Amino acid sequence: MDAQTDHTRALPLKLHRAVLGVSQYVIQAKSGVFQSRISLIENGLAQPKEKEVAAISKALGLQPNYIAWPTMRRPIDTQEKAA
């Protein structure tokens, strides 16, 4: 298995930020990706575009495959009927 497909070392973006002591605003300044978009990506509410993956990875000094990019999850339906 090569480095491109080996995700056993991949850690979530939020964890990388914490370990490196980097805020979403610092990533925004270095990558050009808005802080609000970074927050949505970290919380699985937006799927990162290829350009965003490259920019955020570069801002953190990491290869994109070392970051476990979250899969998009559905927002909570606040209109659900009470049982």
N, C-alpha and C. Protein backbone atom coordinates (compact mmCIF):
# COMPACT_ATOMS: atom_id res chain seq x y z
N MET A 1 0.85 -1.17 0.00
CA MET A 1 0.00 0.00 0.00
C MET A 1 0.90 1.24 0.00
N ASP A 2 0.66 2.17 -0.93
CA ASP A 2 1.51 3.35 -1.00
C ASP A 2 0.99 4.48 -0.11
N ALA A 3 1.76 5.55 0.00
CA ALA A 3 1.42 6.67 0.88
C ALA A 3 0.13 7.36 0.46
N GLN A 4 -0.22 7.30 -0.82
CA GLN A 4 -1.43 7.96 -1.28
C GLN A 4 -2.70 7.26 -0.77
N THR A 5 -2.63 5.96 -0.55
CA THR A 5 -3.82 5.23 -0.14
C THR A 5 -3.77 4.78 1.32
N ASP A 6 -2.65 4.98 1.99
CA ASP A 6 -2.52 4.57 3.38
C ASP A 6 -3.06 5.66 4.29
N HIS A 7 -4.29 5.47 4.77
CA HIS A 7 -4.93 6.47 5.61
C HIS A 7 -4.87 6.09 7.09
N THR A 8 -4.03 5.12 7.43
CA THR A 8 -3.94 4.69 8.82
C THR A 8 -3.34 5.77 9.71
N ARG A 9 -2.58 6.69 9.12
CA ARG A 9 -1.98 7.78 9.88
C ARG A 9 -2.78 9.06 9.80
N ALA A 10 -3.85 9.06 9.03
CA ALA A 10 -4.65 10.27 8.83
C ALA A 10 -5.40 10.62 10.12
N LEU A 11 -5.33 11.89 10.48
CA LEU A 11 -6.03 12.40 11.65
C LEU A 11 -6.98 13.51 11.22
N PRO A 12 -8.05 13.72 11.97
CA PRO A 12 -9.00 14.77 11.62
C PRO A 12 -8.35 16.16 11.59
N LEU A 13 -8.85 17.00 10.71
CA LEU A 13 -8.34 18.36 10.57
C LEU A 13 -8.33 19.10 11.90
N LYS A 14 -9.39 18.98 12.66
CA LYS A 14 -9.49 19.67 13.95
C LYS A 14 -8.39 19.22 14.90
N LEU A 15 -8.06 17.93 14.88
CA LEU A 15 -6.99 17.40 15.75
C LEU A 15 -5.62 17.94 15.31
N HIS A 16 -5.39 17.98 14.01
CA HIS A 16 -4.13 18.55 13.51
C HIS A 16 -4.01 20.01 13.97
N ARG A 17 -5.08 20.76 13.88
CA ARG A 17 -5.05 22.16 14.31
C ARG A 17 -4.70 22.27 15.78
N ALA A 18 -5.31 21.43 16.60
CA ALA A 18 -5.07 21.46 18.04
C ALA A 18 -3.61 21.14 18.37
N VAL A 19 -3.09 20.09 17.75
CA VAL A 19 -1.71 19.68 18.00
C VAL A 19 -0.73 20.78 17.56
N LEU A 20 -1.03 21.41 16.44
CA LEU A 20 -0.15 22.46 15.92
C LEU A 20 -0.41 23.82 16.57
N GLY A 21 -1.48 23.93 17.34
CA GLY A 21 -1.82 25.19 17.98
C GLY A 21 -2.23 26.26 16.99
N VAL A 22 -2.96 25.86 15.96
CA VAL A 22 -3.34 26.76 14.89
C VAL A 22 -4.86 26.95 14.90
N SER A 23 -5.30 28.20 14.83
CA SER A 23 -6.73 28.48 14.80
C SER A 23 -7.26 28.43 13.36
N GLN A 24 -8.57 28.39 13.24
CA GLN A 24 -9.19 28.44 11.92
C GLN A 24 -8.85 29.75 11.22
N TYR A 25 -8.70 30.81 12.00
CA TYR A 25 -8.37 32.12 11.41
C TYR A 25 -6.96 32.14 10.84
N VAL A 26 -6.03 31.44 11.48
CA VAL A 26 -4.68 31.35 10.95
C VAL A 26 -4.69 30.57 9.64
N ILE A 27 -5.44 29.48 9.61
CA ILE A 27 -5.56 28.71 8.37
C ILE A 27 -6.18 29.57 7.28
N GLN A 28 -7.19 30.36 7.65
CA GLN A 28 -7.82 31.25 6.67
C GLN A 28 -6.78 32.20 6.07
N ALA A 29 -5.96 32.81 6.92
CA ALA A 29 -4.94 33.76 6.46
C ALA A 29 -3.91 33.10 5.55
N LYS A 30 -3.56 31.85 5.85
CA LYS A 30 -2.53 31.16 5.07
C LYS A 30 -3.07 30.48 3.82
N SER A 31 -4.36 30.11 3.84
CA SER A 31 -4.92 29.32 2.74
C SER A 31 -5.88 30.08 1.82
N GLY A 32 -6.48 31.14 2.36
CA GLY A 32 -7.49 31.84 1.58
C GLY A 32 -8.87 31.22 1.69
N VAL A 33 -9.00 30.14 2.46
CA VAL A 33 -10.30 29.50 2.69
C VAL A 33 -10.92 30.17 3.91
N PHE A 34 -12.15 30.67 3.75
CA PHE A 34 -12.80 31.38 4.85
C PHE A 34 -12.93 30.53 6.10
N GLN A 35 -12.80 31.16 7.26
CA GLN A 35 -12.92 30.47 8.55
C GLN A 35 -14.25 29.76 8.67
N SER A 36 -15.32 30.39 8.22
CA SER A 36 -16.64 29.76 8.33
C SER A 36 -16.71 28.48 7.50
N ARG A 37 -16.06 28.48 6.36
CA ARG A 37 -16.02 27.29 5.50
C ARG A 37 -15.20 26.18 6.17
N ILE A 38 -14.07 26.55 6.79
CA ILE A 38 -13.24 25.58 7.51
C ILE A 38 -14.06 24.93 8.62
N SER A 39 -14.83 25.74 9.34
CA SER A 39 -15.68 25.22 10.41
C SER A 39 -16.70 24.22 9.86
N LEU A 40 -17.34 24.57 8.75
CA LEU A 40 -18.31 23.65 8.14
C LEU A 40 -17.65 22.34 7.73
N ILE A 41 -16.46 22.43 7.15
CA ILE A 41 -15.74 21.22 6.72
C ILE A 41 -15.38 20.37 7.93
N GLU A 42 -14.83 20.99 8.98
CA GLU A 42 -14.45 20.24 10.18
C GLU A 42 -15.63 19.53 10.83
N ASN A 43 -16.79 20.14 10.75
CA ASN A 43 -17.98 19.56 11.40
C ASN A 43 -18.81 18.68 10.47
N GLY A 44 -18.27 18.40 9.29
CA GLY A 44 -18.94 17.49 8.36
C GLY A 44 -20.18 18.07 7.71
N LEU A 45 -20.32 19.39 7.72
CA LEU A 45 -21.50 20.03 7.13
C LEU A 45 -21.23 20.55 5.73
N ALA A 46 -20.00 20.41 5.27
CA ALA A 46 -19.63 20.77 3.90
C ALA A 46 -18.51 19.85 3.44
N GLN A 47 -18.55 19.49 2.18
CA GLN A 47 -17.52 18.65 1.59
C GLN A 47 -16.45 19.57 1.01
N PRO A 48 -15.18 19.40 1.40
CA PRO A 48 -14.15 20.28 0.87
C PRO A 48 -13.91 20.04 -0.62
N LYS A 49 -13.72 21.14 -1.35
CA LYS A 49 -13.37 21.04 -2.76
C LYS A 49 -11.88 20.72 -2.87
N GLU A 50 -11.49 20.21 -4.01
CA GLU A 50 -10.10 19.81 -4.22
C GLU A 50 -9.13 20.97 -3.96
N LYS A 51 -9.50 22.16 -4.40
CA LYS A 51 -8.66 23.34 -4.18
C LYS A 51 -8.54 23.67 -2.69
N GLU A 52 -9.63 23.49 -1.94
CA GLU A 52 -9.61 23.75 -0.50
C GLU A 52 -8.73 22.74 0.23
N VAL A 53 -8.84 21.49 -0.16
CA VAL A 53 -8.00 20.44 0.43
C VAL A 53 -6.53 20.79 0.25
N ALA A 54 -6.16 21.17 -0.96
CA ALA A 54 -4.77 21.52 -1.25
C ALA A 54 -4.33 22.74 -0.45
N ALA A 55 -5.16 23.77 -0.39
CA ALA A 55 -4.80 25.02 0.29
C ALA A 55 -4.69 24.83 1.80
N ILE A 56 -5.63 24.11 2.39
CA ILE A 56 -5.61 23.88 3.84
C ILE A 56 -4.43 22.99 4.22
N SER A 57 -4.20 21.96 3.44
CA SER A 57 -3.06 21.07 3.70
C SER A 57 -1.75 21.83 3.65
N LYS A 58 -1.60 22.66 2.63
CA LYS A 58 -0.37 23.46 2.48
C LYS A 58 -0.21 24.42 3.65
N ALA A 59 -1.31 25.04 4.07
CA ALA A 59 -1.27 25.98 5.20
C ALA A 59 -0.79 25.29 6.48
N LEU A 60 -1.13 24.00 6.63
CA LEU A 60 -0.72 23.25 7.81
C LEU A 60 0.64 22.56 7.63
N GLY A 61 1.17 22.59 6.41
CA GLY A 61 2.44 21.93 6.13
C GLY A 61 2.32 20.42 6.10
N LEU A 62 1.15 19.93 5.68
CA LEU A 62 0.88 18.49 5.66
C LEU A 62 0.49 18.03 4.26
N GLN A 63 0.70 16.76 3.99
CA GLN A 63 0.19 16.16 2.77
C GLN A 63 -1.31 15.95 2.94
N PRO A 64 -2.11 16.18 1.91
CA PRO A 64 -3.57 16.02 2.03
C PRO A 64 -4.01 14.66 2.55
N ASN A 65 -3.26 13.58 2.21
CA ASN A 65 -3.67 12.24 2.65
C ASN A 65 -3.37 11.99 4.12
N TYR A 66 -2.71 12.91 4.81
CA TYR A 66 -2.48 12.77 6.25
C TYR A 66 -3.61 13.42 7.06
N ILE A 67 -4.55 14.01 6.37
CA ILE A 67 -5.71 14.62 7.04
C ILE A 67 -6.92 13.77 6.72
N ALA A 68 -7.65 13.36 7.75
CA ALA A 68 -8.88 12.59 7.57
C ALA A 68 -10.00 13.59 7.32
N TRP A 69 -10.28 13.82 6.06
CA TRP A 69 -11.32 14.78 5.71
C TRP A 69 -12.67 14.18 6.05
N PRO A 70 -13.50 14.91 6.80
CA PRO A 70 -14.78 14.35 7.21
C PRO A 70 -15.73 14.15 6.03
N THR A 71 -16.52 13.10 6.14
CA THR A 71 -17.56 12.91 5.13
C THR A 71 -18.75 13.76 5.54
N MET A 72 -19.48 14.18 4.56
CA MET A 72 -20.59 15.09 4.81
C MET A 72 -21.71 14.34 5.54
N ARG A 73 -22.21 14.97 6.57
CA ARG A 73 -23.33 14.37 7.30
C ARG A 73 -24.56 15.25 7.10
N ARG A 74 -25.69 14.66 7.25
CA ARG A 74 -26.94 15.40 7.06
C ARG A 74 -27.20 16.28 8.26
N PRO A 75 -27.68 17.52 8.01
CA PRO A 75 -28.05 18.37 9.14
C PRO A 75 -29.21 17.75 9.91
N ILE A 76 -29.29 18.04 11.18
CA ILE A 76 -30.38 17.52 12.00
C ILE A 76 -31.68 18.14 11.53
N ASP A 77 -32.68 17.31 11.33
CA ASP A 77 -33.99 17.79 10.89
C ASP A 77 -34.76 18.29 12.09
N THR A 78 -34.89 19.60 12.20
CA THR A 78 -35.59 20.19 13.34
C THR A 78 -37.10 20.14 13.16
N GLN A 79 -37.53 19.69 12.00
CA GLN A 79 -38.96 19.63 11.73
C GLN A 79 -39.57 18.24 11.98
N GLU A 80 -38.77 17.36 12.56
CA GLU A 80 -39.28 16.00 12.81
C GLU A 80 -40.48 16.05 13.75
N LYS A 81 -41.44 15.22 13.47
CA LYS A 81 -42.63 15.17 14.30
C LYS A 81 -42.35 14.39 15.58
N ALA A 82 -42.88 14.87 16.66
CA ALA A 82 -42.71 14.18 17.94
C ALA A 82 -43.52 12.88 17.90
N ALA A 83 -42.95 11.83 18.43
CA ALA A 83 -43.61 10.52 18.40
C ALA A 83 -44.65 10.42 19.47
